Amino acid sequence: MLAWRFQDGRIERAQIAPPTPGPGQALLRPMLAGVCNTDVELLSGYYAFAGVAGHEFVAVVERAPDAPQWEGKRVVAEINIGCGGCANCLAGDARHCPTRRAIGIKGWDGAFAERLLAPIANLHRVPDKLPDRQAVFAEPLAAALEPSQQLHLKARHRLCVLGDGKLGLLSALALRQWCPGLLLIGRHAANLAKAAAQGVAVELTPAEASWPELAAKLGAFDVVVEATGRPEGINAALELVRPEGVVVAKTTSRLPSTINLARVVVDEIQIIGSRCGDMALALAHLAAGRLAVEPLIERVMAFDELPLAIEAARRGGAGKVLIDYS
């Protein structure tokens, strides 16, 4: 089968044998995948990754020897794979297993291949009426929804999403269900227009924005969701949040961030890390039509064009790039 392997900053085309499902595993045939900023970071050295990336996907279960009732079903998959025996796994949270693997990110080959494996326990069936072009957003939407599960958000809260990239747009569309007056701040007019078309308030800033000046103009926020994708984004968020407010950190980057710790201490600001979320919740939101994700798609490219798709997704302000395996 064809697979695209990431190795030392390169994408290599490889012909490899299809994997064989082991106990409790299913063999999946991807139909549609999304290119995430994490994929771009992996290619640049994040996690010292080498292997087959791709963690946002819709697939059909081709073989599941231990659970044949799954065969032929259309699915998405939780990406975190725990050891099954630690305290976190026993509590039902493999996301924080100390030896976890993650599909397409850490220790487990992902969807940028014609077949991949996934634990049967990680599978979620896609509702019959939900198109692939919407279901493929389940994994990133789950991440976008996660702050709603971590914080007691109220409609009166002043909430700001900082960053209008792929995750920032999804975060704004998702979290406005709790905070209808939230503001999306970004540098890309075309991206902001996509959010504004769905009723989100937006603020366009220059590339070299003065965050103290912007804070003076807009007023301080109770909650700032930092989704810039840039290591300096966390300090911008600290400029925008009120004393005793909350900054939700969503950016993962291979580059380190330097935080203004004095600001955190003096203003008693909480910083909360926020990563993967509940995919069942995301599927429920998609199936109910609570947000429109298809307008966020910029390009759909063939699986054979995957290196070009990665480059398209790398561009600043790029919309969602999807990979079609048909």
C-alpha atoms as a PDB file:
ATOM      1  CA  MET A   1       0.000   0.000   0.000  1.00  0.00           C
ATOM      2  CA  LEU A   2       1.025   3.621  -0.443  1.00  0.00           C
ATOM      3  CA  ALA A   3       2.068   5.532   2.661  1.00  0.00           C
ATOM      4  CA  TRP A   4       3.643   8.942   3.165  1.00  0.00           C
ATOM      5  CA  ARG A   5       6.362   8.846   5.826  1.00  0.00           C
ATOM      6  CA  PHE A   6       7.704  11.887   7.659  1.00  0.00           C
ATOM      7  CA  GLN A   7      11.449  11.658   8.271  1.00  0.00           C
ATOM      8  CA  ASP A   8      13.971  14.375   9.156  1.00  0.00           C
ATOM      9  CA  GLY A   9      11.867  17.198   7.729  1.00  0.00           C
ATOM     10  CA  ARG A  10      11.045  15.311   4.532  1.00  0.00           C
ATOM     11  CA  ILE A  11       7.942  13.542   3.251  1.00  0.00           C
ATOM     12  CA  GLU A  12       8.851  10.236   1.637  1.00  0.00           C
ATOM     13  CA  ARG A  13       6.601   8.158  -0.585  1.00  0.00           C
ATOM     14  CA  ALA A  14       6.756   4.500   0.459  1.00  0.00           C
ATOM     15  CA  GLN A  15       5.216   1.201  -0.571  1.00  0.00           C
ATOM     16  CA  ILE A  16       4.685  -0.883   2.556  1.00  0.00           C
ATOM     17  CA  ALA A  17       2.669  -3.938   3.533  1.00  0.00           C
ATOM     18  CA  PRO A  18      -0.786  -3.237   4.984  1.00  0.00           C
ATOM     19  CA  PRO A  19      -0.838  -3.664   8.767  1.00  0.00           C
ATOM     20  CA  THR A  20      -2.540  -6.676  10.334  1.00  0.00           C
ATOM     21  CA  PRO A  21      -5.003  -6.040  13.165  1.00  0.00           C
ATOM     22  CA  GLY A  22      -3.977  -7.522  16.493  1.00  0.00           C
ATOM     23  CA  PRO A  23      -6.197  -8.313  19.477  1.00  0.00           C
ATOM     24  CA  GLY A  24      -8.767  -5.581  20.003  1.00  0.00           C
ATOM     25  CA  GLN A  25      -7.743  -3.725  16.851  1.00  0.00           C
ATOM     26  CA  ALA A  26      -9.461  -2.770  13.606  1.00  0.00           C
ATOM     27  CA  LEU A  27      -8.015  -2.231  10.142  1.00  0.00           C
ATOM     28  CA  LEU A  28      -9.323   1.044   8.731  1.00  0.00           C
ATOM     29  CA  ARG A  29      -9.499   2.347   5.169  1.00  0.00           C
ATOM     30  CA  PRO A  30      -9.365   6.165   5.243  1.00  0.00           C
ATOM     31  CA  MET A  31     -11.777   8.020   2.989  1.00  0.00           C
ATOM     32  CA  LEU A  32     -11.098  11.635   3.954  1.00  0.00           C
ATOM     33  CA  ALA A  33      -8.448  13.199   6.185  1.00  0.00           C
ATOM     34  CA  GLY A  34      -7.663  16.677   7.397  1.00  0.00           C
ATOM     35  CA  VAL A  35      -4.262  18.340   7.514  1.00  0.00           C
ATOM     36  CA  CYS A  36      -3.702  19.895  10.936  1.00  0.00           C
ATOM     37  CA  ASN A  37      -1.139  22.427  12.099  1.00  0.00           C
ATOM     38  CA  THR A  38       0.216  19.614  14.268  1.00  0.00           C
ATOM     39  CA  ASP A  39       1.057  17.699  11.078  1.00  0.00           C
ATOM     40  CA  VAL A  40       3.029  20.708   9.857  1.00  0.00           C
ATOM     41  CA  GLU A  41       4.817  20.907  13.216  1.00  0.00           C
ATOM     42  CA  LEU A  42       5.601  17.166  13.142  1.00  0.00           C
ATOM     43  CA  LEU A  43       7.276  17.611   9.776  1.00  0.00           C
ATOM     44  CA  SER A  44       9.342  20.411  11.318  1.00  0.00           C
ATOM     45  CA  GLY A  45      10.572  18.296  14.224  1.00  0.00           C
ATOM     46  CA  TYR A  46       7.819  18.365  16.867  1.00  0.00           C
ATOM     47  CA  TYR A  47       7.979  15.214  19.058  1.00  0.00           C
ATOM     48  CA  ALA A  48      11.043  14.133  16.996  1.00  0.00           C
ATOM     49  CA  PHE A  49       8.415  12.374  14.901  1.00  0.00           C
ATOM     50  CA  ALA A  50       9.274   9.776  12.270  1.00  0.00           C
ATOM     51  CA  GLY A  51       6.538   7.707  10.656  1.00  0.00           C
ATOM     52  CA  VAL A  52       3.100   8.103   9.114  1.00  0.00           C
ATOM     53  CA  ALA A  53       1.225  11.165  10.371  1.00  0.00           C
ATOM     54  CA  GLY A  54      -2.474  11.975  10.060  1.00  0.00           C
ATOM     55  CA  HIS A  55      -4.887  12.007  13.009  1.00  0.00           C
ATOM     56  CA  GLU A  56      -7.998  13.719  11.617  1.00  0.00           C
ATOM     57  CA  PHE A  57      -9.875  11.252   9.436  1.00  0.00           C
ATOM     58  CA  VAL A  58     -13.057   9.464   8.483  1.00  0.00           C
ATOM     59  CA  ALA A  59     -12.587   5.792   7.625  1.00  0.00           C
ATOM     60  CA  VAL A  60     -14.411   2.553   6.942  1.00  0.00           C
ATOM     61  CA  VAL A  61     -13.690  -0.463   9.121  1.00  0.00           C
ATOM     62  CA  GLU A  62     -12.310  -3.075   6.740  1.00  0.00           C
ATOM     63  CA  ARG A  63     -11.467  -5.799   9.267  1.00  0.00           C
ATOM     64  CA  ALA A  64     -12.160  -6.202  12.982  1.00  0.00           C
ATOM     65  CA  PRO A  65     -11.612  -9.874  13.873  1.00  0.00           C
ATOM     66  CA  ASP A  66     -12.562  -9.383  17.528  1.00  0.00           C
ATOM     67  CA  ALA A  67     -15.637  -7.261  16.756  1.00  0.00           C
ATOM     68  CA  PRO A  68     -16.968  -8.123  13.283  1.00  0.00           C
ATOM     69  CA  GLN A  69     -20.068  -6.004  13.892  1.00  0.00           C
ATOM     70  CA  TRP A  70     -17.863  -2.976  13.205  1.00  0.00           C
ATOM     71  CA  GLU A  71     -16.874  -4.137   9.721  1.00  0.00           C
ATOM     72  CA  GLY A  72     -18.233  -1.890   6.986  1.00  0.00           C
ATOM     73  CA  LYS A  73     -19.061   0.888   9.446  1.00  0.00           C
ATOM     74  CA  ARG A  74     -17.979   4.483   8.879  1.00  0.00           C
ATOM     75  CA  VAL A  75     -15.972   5.737  11.858  1.00  0.00           C
ATOM     76  CA  VAL A  76     -13.777   8.372  13.410  1.00  0.00           C
ATOM     77  CA  ALA A  77     -11.274   7.492  16.128  1.00  0.00           C
ATOM     78  CA  GLU A  78     -10.021   8.833  19.430  1.00  0.00           C
ATOM     79  CA  ILE A  79      -6.320   9.388  18.852  1.00  0.00           C
ATOM     80  CA  ASN A  80      -4.923   8.648  22.335  1.00  0.00           C
ATOM     81  CA  ILE A  81      -3.989   5.042  23.120  1.00  0.00           C
ATOM     82  CA  GLY A  82      -3.185   4.340  26.756  1.00  0.00           C
ATOM     83  CA  CYS A  83      -1.531   1.418  28.494  1.00  0.00           C
ATOM     84  CA  GLY A  84      -4.830   0.354  30.048  1.00  0.00           C
ATOM     85  CA  GLY A  85      -3.386  -0.213  33.510  1.00  0.00           C
ATOM     86  CA  CYS A  86      -2.277   3.121  34.980  1.00  0.00           C
ATOM     87  CA  ALA A  87      -4.426   5.304  37.229  1.00  0.00           C
ATOM     88  CA  ASN A  88      -5.380   7.625  34.376  1.00  0.00           C
ATOM     89  CA  CYS A  89      -6.392   4.783  32.065  1.00  0.00           C
ATOM     90  CA  LEU A  90      -8.375   3.073  34.820  1.00  0.00           C
ATOM     91  CA  ALA A  91     -10.166   6.384  35.384  1.00  0.00           C
ATOM     92  CA  GLY A  92     -11.097   6.433  31.700  1.00  0.00           C
ATOM     93  CA  ASP A  93      -8.671   9.142  30.601  1.00  0.00           C
ATOM     94  CA  ALA A  94      -6.073   7.665  28.258  1.00  0.00           C
ATOM     95  CA  ARG A  95      -5.255  11.224  27.135  1.00  0.00           C
ATOM     96  CA  HIS A  96      -2.969  11.514  30.149  1.00  0.00           C
ATOM     97  CA  CYS A  97      -1.527   8.026  30.326  1.00  0.00           C
ATOM     98  CA  PRO A  98       2.213   8.585  30.944  1.00  0.00           C
ATOM     99  CA  THR A  99       3.112   6.005  28.265  1.00  0.00           C
ATOM    100  CA  ARG A 100       0.318   6.867  25.839  1.00  0.00           C
ATOM    101  CA  ARG A 101       0.674   6.670  22.119  1.00  0.00           C
ATOM    102  CA  ALA A 102      -1.259   8.911  19.750  1.00  0.00           C
ATOM    103  CA  ILE A 103      -2.428   7.968  16.269  1.00  0.00           C
ATOM    104  CA  GLY A 104      -0.349   9.813  13.698  1.00  0.00           C
ATOM    105  CA  ILE A 105       1.511  11.797  16.352  1.00  0.00           C
ATOM    106  CA  LYS A 106       3.426   9.577  18.755  1.00  0.00           C
ATOM    107  CA  GLY A 107       4.324   5.914  18.445  1.00  0.00           C
ATOM    108  CA  TRP A 108       1.447   4.883  16.167  1.00  0.00           C
ATOM    109  CA  ASP A 109       1.180   5.311  12.393  1.00  0.00           C
ATOM    110  CA  GLY A 110      -1.667   7.489  11.232  1.00  0.00           C
ATOM    111  CA  ALA A 111      -4.000   8.099   8.328  1.00  0.00           C
ATOM    112  CA  PHE A 112      -1.584   9.359   5.671  1.00  0.00           C
ATOM    113  CA  ALA A 113      -1.542   5.808   4.318  1.00  0.00           C
ATOM    114  CA  GLU A 114      -4.043   3.665   2.469  1.00  0.00           C
ATOM    115  CA  ARG A 115      -4.700   1.624   5.627  1.00  0.00           C
ATOM    116  CA  LEU A 116      -4.149   2.131   9.360  1.00  0.00           C
ATOM    117  CA  LEU A 117      -4.877   0.382  12.625  1.00  0.00           C
ATOM    118  CA  ALA A 118      -6.895   1.678  15.564  1.00  0.00           C
ATOM    119  CA  PRO A 119      -8.092   0.118  18.808  1.00  0.00           C
ATOM    120  CA  ILE A 120     -11.738  -0.894  18.526  1.00  0.00           C
ATOM    121  CA  ALA A 121     -12.335   0.841  21.861  1.00  0.00           C
ATOM    122  CA  ASN A 122     -11.300   4.147  20.255  1.00  0.00           C
ATOM    123  CA  LEU A 123     -13.856   4.032  17.437  1.00  0.00           C
ATOM    124  CA  HIS A 124     -16.964   6.174  17.138  1.00  0.00           C
ATOM    125  CA  ARG A 125     -19.552   5.392  14.514  1.00  0.00           C
ATOM    126  CA  VAL A 126     -20.376   8.329  12.256  1.00  0.00           C
ATOM    127  CA  PRO A 127     -24.123   9.069  12.071  1.00  0.00           C
ATOM    128  CA  ASP A 128     -25.540   7.928   8.727  1.00  0.00           C
ATOM    129  CA  LYS A 129     -26.754  11.397   7.733  1.00  0.00           C
ATOM    130  CA  LEU A 130     -23.473  13.152   8.535  1.00  0.00           C
ATOM    131  CA  PRO A 131     -21.380  13.720   5.367  1.00  0.00           C
ATOM    132  CA  ASP A 132     -17.686  12.844   5.350  1.00  0.00           C
ATOM    133  CA  ARG A 133     -16.794  16.512   4.771  1.00  0.00           C
ATOM    134  CA  GLN A 134     -18.353  17.324   8.142  1.00  0.00           C
ATOM    135  CA  ALA A 135     -17.415  14.183  10.070  1.00  0.00           C
ATOM    136  CA  VAL A 136     -13.728  14.752   9.294  1.00  0.00           C
ATOM    137  CA  PHE A 137     -13.898  17.761  11.633  1.00  0.00           C
ATOM    138  CA  ALA A 138     -14.778  15.580  14.646  1.00  0.00           C
ATOM    139  CA  GLU A 139     -11.264  15.445  16.109  1.00  0.00           C
ATOM    140  CA  PRO A 140     -10.415  19.173  15.840  1.00  0.00           C
ATOM    141  CA  LEU A 141     -13.936  20.163  16.899  1.00  0.00           C
ATOM    142  CA  ALA A 142     -13.567  17.992  19.997  1.00  0.00           C
ATOM    143  CA  ALA A 143     -10.423  19.965  20.837  1.00  0.00           C
ATOM    144  CA  ALA A 144     -12.247  23.241  20.181  1.00  0.00           C
ATOM    145  CA  LEU A 145     -15.078  22.218  22.515  1.00  0.00           C
ATOM    146  CA  GLU A 146     -12.781  21.076  25.326  1.00  0.00           C
ATOM    147  CA  PRO A 147     -12.645  24.473  27.139  1.00  0.00           C
ATOM    148  CA  SER A 148     -16.415  24.211  27.583  1.00  0.00           C
ATOM    149  CA  GLN A 149     -15.787  21.027  29.574  1.00  0.00           C
ATOM    150  CA  GLN A 150     -12.907  22.489  31.584  1.00  0.00           C
ATOM    151  CA  LEU A 151     -14.475  25.824  32.587  1.00  0.00           C
ATOM    152  CA  HIS A 152     -17.834  26.856  33.980  1.00  0.00           C
ATOM    153  CA  LEU A 153     -18.599  29.204  31.094  1.00  0.00           C
ATOM    154  CA  LYS A 154     -21.545  31.556  31.413  1.00  0.00           C
ATOM    155  CA  ALA A 155     -23.288  33.608  28.747  1.00  0.00           C
ATOM    156  CA  ARG A 156     -22.298  36.838  30.513  1.00  0.00           C
ATOM    157  CA  HIS A 157     -18.573  36.051  30.362  1.00  0.00           C
ATOM    158  CA  ARG A 158     -16.457  38.185  28.043  1.00  0.00           C
ATOM    159  CA  LEU A 159     -14.609  35.535  26.038  1.00  0.00           C
ATOM    160  CA  CYS A 160     -12.026  36.145  23.346  1.00  0.00           C
ATOM    161  CA  VAL A 161     -10.544  33.624  20.923  1.00  0.00           C
ATOM    162  CA  LEU A 162      -7.106  34.794  19.850  1.00  0.00           C
ATOM    163  CA  GLY A 163      -6.081  33.465  16.439  1.00  0.00           C
ATOM    164  CA  ASP A 164      -8.132  32.923  13.287  1.00  0.00           C
ATOM    165  CA  GLY A 165      -6.434  29.812  11.957  1.00  0.00           C
ATOM    166  CA  LYS A 166      -8.063  26.423  11.663  1.00  0.00           C
ATOM    167  CA  LEU A 167      -8.406  25.784  15.400  1.00  0.00           C
ATOM    168  CA  GLY A 168      -9.221  29.392  16.234  1.00  0.00           C
ATOM    169  CA  LEU A 169     -12.147  29.458  13.807  1.00  0.00           C
ATOM    170  CA  LEU A 170     -13.520  26.189  15.150  1.00  0.00           C
ATOM    171  CA  SER A 171     -13.073  27.393  18.730  1.00  0.00           C
ATOM    172  CA  ALA A 172     -15.028  30.574  18.074  1.00  0.00           C
ATOM    173  CA  LEU A 173     -17.856  28.743  16.313  1.00  0.00           C
ATOM    174  CA  ALA A 174     -18.014  26.100  19.039  1.00  0.00           C
ATOM    175  CA  LEU A 175     -17.695  28.231  22.168  1.00  0.00           C
ATOM    176  CA  ARG A 176     -20.203  30.885  21.129  1.00  0.00           C
ATOM    177  CA  GLN A 177     -22.858  28.348  22.130  1.00  0.00           C
ATOM    178  CA  TRP A 178     -21.846  29.138  25.731  1.00  0.00           C
ATOM    179  CA  CYS A 179     -20.743  32.752  25.250  1.00  0.00           C
ATOM    180  CA  PRO A 180     -22.785  34.227  22.361  1.00  0.00           C
ATOM    181  CA  GLY A 181     -20.975  37.560  22.548  1.00  0.00           C
ATOM    182  CA  LEU A 182     -17.458  36.158  22.216  1.00  0.00           C
ATOM    183  CA  LEU A 183     -14.937  37.978  20.049  1.00  0.00           C
ATOM    184  CA  LEU A 184     -12.570  36.382  17.526  1.00  0.00           C
ATOM    185  CA  ILE A 185      -9.333  38.313  17.024  1.00  0.00           C
ATOM    186  CA  GLY A 186      -7.126  37.554  14.045  1.00  0.00           C
ATOM    187  CA  ARG A 187      -4.872  38.810  11.269  1.00  0.00           C
ATOM    188  CA  HIS A 188      -6.590  37.322   8.209  1.00  0.00           C
ATOM    189  CA  ALA A 189      -9.616  39.166   6.865  1.00  0.00           C
ATOM    190  CA  ALA A 190     -10.808  36.222   4.765  1.00  0.00           C
ATOM    191  CA  ASN A 191     -10.810  33.892   7.768  1.00  0.00           C
ATOM    192  CA  LEU A 192     -12.567  36.402   9.979  1.00  0.00           C
ATOM    193  CA  ALA A 193     -15.212  36.811   7.284  1.00  0.00           C
ATOM    194  CA  LYS A 194     -15.991  33.078   7.507  1.00  0.00           C
ATOM    195  CA  ALA A 195     -16.698  33.431  11.213  1.00  0.00           C
ATOM    196  CA  ALA A 196     -18.610  36.681  10.795  1.00  0.00           C
ATOM    197  CA  ALA A 197     -20.858  34.980   8.233  1.00  0.00           C
ATOM    198  CA  GLN A 198     -21.993  32.677  11.049  1.00  0.00           C
ATOM    199  CA  GLY A 199     -22.656  35.528  13.455  1.00  0.00           C
ATOM    200  CA  VAL A 200     -19.348  35.708  15.322  1.00  0.00           C
ATOM    201  CA  ALA A 201     -18.051  39.156  16.310  1.00  0.00           C
ATOM    202  CA  VAL A 202     -14.564  39.691  14.886  1.00  0.00           C
ATOM    203  CA  GLU A 203     -11.639  42.083  15.222  1.00  0.00           C
ATOM    204  CA  LEU A 204      -8.940  42.395  12.536  1.00  0.00           C
ATOM    205  CA  THR A 205      -5.480  43.221  13.862  1.00  0.00           C
ATOM    206  CA  PRO A 206      -2.223  44.002  12.044  1.00  0.00           C
ATOM    207  CA  ALA A 207       0.559  41.432  12.024  1.00  0.00           C
ATOM    208  CA  GLU A 208       2.546  43.486  14.557  1.00  0.00           C
ATOM    209  CA  ALA A 209      -0.341  44.384  16.836  1.00  0.00           C
ATOM    210  CA  SER A 210       0.233  46.320  20.051  1.00  0.00           C
ATOM    211  CA  TRP A 211      -1.550  44.095  22.519  1.00  0.00           C
ATOM    212  CA  PRO A 212      -1.636  46.669  25.354  1.00  0.00           C
ATOM    213  CA  GLU A 213      -3.241  49.158  22.943  1.00  0.00           C
ATOM    214  CA  LEU A 214      -5.726  46.549  21.776  1.00  0.00           C
ATOM    215  CA  ALA A 215      -6.565  45.686  25.382  1.00  0.00           C
ATOM    216  CA  ALA A 216      -7.174  49.365  26.111  1.00  0.00           C
ATOM    217  CA  LYS A 217      -9.455  49.581  23.080  1.00  0.00           C
ATOM    218  CA  LEU A 218     -11.447  46.393  23.670  1.00  0.00           C
ATOM    219  CA  GLY A 219     -11.362  46.107  27.453  1.00  0.00           C
ATOM    220  CA  ALA A 220     -10.161  43.089  29.383  1.00  0.00           C
ATOM    221  CA  PHE A 221     -11.689  39.632  28.923  1.00  0.00           C
ATOM    222  CA  ASP A 222     -12.759  37.091  31.509  1.00  0.00           C
ATOM    223  CA  VAL A 223     -11.449  34.234  29.364  1.00  0.00           C
ATOM    224  CA  VAL A 224      -8.947  34.272  26.486  1.00  0.00           C
ATOM    225  CA  VAL A 225      -8.555  31.142  24.368  1.00  0.00           C
ATOM    226  CA  GLU A 226      -5.090  31.324  22.813  1.00  0.00           C
ATOM    227  CA  ALA A 227      -5.122  29.543  19.449  1.00  0.00           C
ATOM    228  CA  THR A 228      -2.570  31.517  17.448  1.00  0.00           C
ATOM    229  CA  GLY A 229      -0.310  28.559  16.707  1.00  0.00           C
ATOM    230  CA  ARG A 230       2.655  30.782  17.594  1.00  0.00           C
ATOM    231  CA  PRO A 231       4.839  30.584  20.724  1.00  0.00           C
ATOM    232  CA  GLU A 232       4.425  34.316  21.400  1.00  0.00           C
ATOM    233  CA  GLY A 233       0.644  33.990  21.462  1.00  0.00           C
ATOM    234  CA  ILE A 234       0.504  33.188  25.176  1.00  0.00           C
ATOM    235  CA  ASN A 235       1.897  36.598  26.148  1.00  0.00           C
ATOM    236  CA  ALA A 236      -0.569  38.329  23.842  1.00  0.00           C
ATOM    237  CA  ALA A 237      -3.331  36.461  25.658  1.00  0.00           C
ATOM    238  CA  LEU A 238      -1.955  37.620  29.024  1.00  0.00           C
ATOM    239  CA  GLU A 239      -2.252  41.231  27.835  1.00  0.00           C
ATOM    240  CA  LEU A 240      -5.934  40.746  26.990  1.00  0.00           C
ATOM    241  CA  VAL A 241      -7.189  38.878  30.069  1.00  0.00           C
ATOM    242  CA  ARG A 242      -8.453  40.637  33.189  1.00  0.00           C
ATOM    243  CA  PRO A 243      -6.921  40.179  36.642  1.00  0.00           C
ATOM    244  CA  GLU A 244      -8.095  36.838  38.068  1.00  0.00           C
ATOM    245  CA  GLY A 245      -9.123  35.826  34.552  1.00  0.00           C
ATOM    246  CA  VAL A 246      -8.349  32.628  32.674  1.00  0.00           C
ATOM    247  CA  VAL A 247      -6.102  31.981  29.674  1.00  0.00           C
ATOM    248  CA  VAL A 248      -6.760  28.713  27.854  1.00  0.00           C
ATOM    249  CA  ALA A 249      -3.616  27.607  26.011  1.00  0.00           C
ATOM    250  CA  LYS A 250      -4.323  25.640  22.820  1.00  0.00           C
ATOM    251  CA  THR A 251      -1.091  26.179  20.857  1.00  0.00           C
ATOM    252  CA  THR A 252       1.367  23.307  20.502  1.00  0.00           C
ATOM    253  CA  SER A 253       4.651  24.286  18.916  1.00  0.00           C
ATOM    254  CA  ARG A 254       8.099  22.801  18.532  1.00  0.00           C
ATOM    255  CA  LEU A 255       9.433  26.213  19.643  1.00  0.00           C
ATOM    256  CA  PRO A 256       9.510  27.199  23.335  1.00  0.00           C
ATOM    257  CA  SER A 257       7.384  29.993  24.785  1.00  0.00           C
ATOM    258  CA  THR A 258       8.654  32.594  27.244  1.00  0.00           C
ATOM    259  CA  ILE A 259       5.854  33.597  29.602  1.00  0.00           C
ATOM    260  CA  ASN A 260       5.611  36.898  31.479  1.00  0.00           C
ATOM    261  CA  LEU A 261       5.339  35.107  34.807  1.00  0.00           C
ATOM    262  CA  ALA A 262       5.259  38.347  36.800  1.00  0.00           C
ATOM    263  CA  ARG A 263       2.019  39.270  35.030  1.00  0.00           C
ATOM    264  CA  VAL A 264       0.551  35.870  35.895  1.00  0.00           C
ATOM    265  CA  VAL A 265       1.504  36.175  39.576  1.00  0.00           C
ATOM    266  CA  VAL A 266       0.611  39.830  40.144  1.00  0.00           C
ATOM    267  CA  ASP A 267      -2.746  39.611  38.347  1.00  0.00           C
ATOM    268  CA  GLU A 268      -3.493  36.109  39.684  1.00  0.00           C
ATOM    269  CA  ILE A 269      -4.214  34.762  36.211  1.00  0.00           C
ATOM    270  CA  GLN A 270      -5.003  31.099  35.670  1.00  0.00           C
ATOM    271  CA  ILE A 271      -3.425  29.371  32.663  1.00  0.00           C
ATOM    272  CA  ILE A 272      -5.147  26.149  31.640  1.00  0.00           C
ATOM    273  CA  GLY A 273      -3.729  23.760  29.077  1.00  0.00           C
ATOM    274  CA  SER A 274      -6.353  22.353  26.729  1.00  0.00           C
ATOM    275  CA  ARG A 275      -5.712  19.586  24.226  1.00  0.00           C
ATOM    276  CA  CYS A 276      -7.942  16.779  22.959  1.00  0.00           C
ATOM    277  CA  GLY A 277     -11.650  16.666  23.681  1.00  0.00           C
ATOM    278  CA  ASP A 278     -14.687  14.404  23.615  1.00  0.00           C
ATOM    279  CA  MET A 279     -15.314  13.126  20.075  1.00  0.00           C
ATOM    280  CA  ALA A 280     -18.787  11.866  20.937  1.00  0.00           C
ATOM    281  CA  LEU A 281     -19.669  15.423  21.945  1.00  0.00           C
ATOM    282  CA  ALA A 282     -18.195  16.764  18.707  1.00  0.00           C
ATOM    283  CA  LEU A 283     -20.151  14.275  16.594  1.00  0.00           C
ATOM    284  CA  ALA A 284     -23.340  15.245  18.428  1.00  0.00           C
ATOM    285  CA  HIS A 285     -22.748  18.926  17.655  1.00  0.00           C
ATOM    286  CA  LEU A 286     -22.040  18.165  14.003  1.00  0.00           C
ATOM    287  CA  ALA A 287     -25.066  15.898  13.636  1.00  0.00           C
ATOM    288  CA  ALA A 288     -27.317  18.544  15.217  1.00  0.00           C
ATOM    289  CA  GLY A 289     -26.024  21.221  12.834  1.00  0.00           C
ATOM    290  CA  ARG A 290     -24.945  23.530  15.650  1.00  0.00           C
ATOM    291  CA  LEU A 291     -22.167  24.980  13.501  1.00  0.00           C
ATOM    292  CA  ALA A 292     -21.321  24.936   9.805  1.00  0.00           C
ATOM    293  CA  VAL A 293     -17.866  23.497   9.182  1.00  0.00           C
ATOM    294  CA  GLU A 294     -17.855  23.025   5.406  1.00  0.00           C
ATOM    295  CA  PRO A 295     -17.297  26.776   4.759  1.00  0.00           C
ATOM    296  CA  LEU A 296     -13.943  26.360   6.557  1.00  0.00           C
ATOM    297  CA  ILE A 297     -12.662  23.992   3.843  1.00  0.00           C
ATOM    298  CA  GLU A 298     -10.195  25.682   1.508  1.00  0.00           C
ATOM    299  CA  ARG A 299      -9.070  22.792  -0.683  1.00  0.00           C
ATOM    300  CA  VAL A 300      -9.679  19.094  -1.196  1.00  0.00           C
ATOM    301  CA  MET A 301      -6.631  17.358  -2.672  1.00  0.00           C
ATOM    302  CA  ALA A 302      -5.925  13.823  -3.802  1.00  0.00           C
ATOM    303  CA  PHE A 303      -4.035  11.449  -1.508  1.00  0.00           C
ATOM    304  CA  ASP A 304      -1.301  11.257  -4.143  1.00  0.00           C
ATOM    305  CA  GLU A 305      -0.768  15.022  -3.664  1.00  0.00           C
ATOM    306  CA  LEU A 306      -0.177  14.861   0.079  1.00  0.00           C
ATOM    307  CA  PRO A 307       3.168  16.733   0.085  1.00  0.00           C
ATOM    308  CA  LEU A 308       1.486  19.593  -1.777  1.00  0.00           C
ATOM    309  CA  ALA A 309      -1.395  19.495   0.691  1.00  0.00           C
ATOM    310  CA  ILE A 310       1.031  19.891   3.601  1.00  0.00           C
ATOM    311  CA  GLU A 311       2.554  22.928   1.916  1.00  0.00           C
ATOM    312  CA  ALA A 312      -0.905  24.394   1.278  1.00  0.00           C
ATOM    313  CA  ALA A 313      -1.793  23.952   4.960  1.00  0.00           C
ATOM    314  CA  ARG A 314       1.521  25.500   6.052  1.00  0.00           C
ATOM    315  CA  ARG A 315       0.672  28.884   4.521  1.00  0.00           C
ATOM    316  CA  GLY A 316      -0.225  31.530   7.086  1.00  0.00           C
ATOM    317  CA  GLY A 317      -3.978  31.925   7.327  1.00  0.00           C
ATOM    318  CA  ALA A 318      -4.652  28.776   5.318  1.00  0.00           C
ATOM    319  CA  GLY A 319      -8.106  27.253   5.579  1.00  0.00           C
ATOM    320  CA  LYS A 320      -8.769  23.578   6.104  1.00  0.00           C
ATOM    321  CA  VAL A 321      -7.048  21.312   3.582  1.00  0.00           C
ATOM    322  CA  LEU A 322      -8.582  17.861   3.160  1.00  0.00           C
ATOM    323  CA  ILE A 323      -7.144  14.695   1.607  1.00  0.00           C
ATOM    324  CA  ASP A 324      -9.456  12.578  -0.555  1.00  0.00           C
ATOM    325  CA  TYR A 325      -8.495   8.887  -0.880  1.00  0.00           C
ATOM    326  CA  SER A 326     -10.991   7.983  -3.626  1.00  0.00           C
END
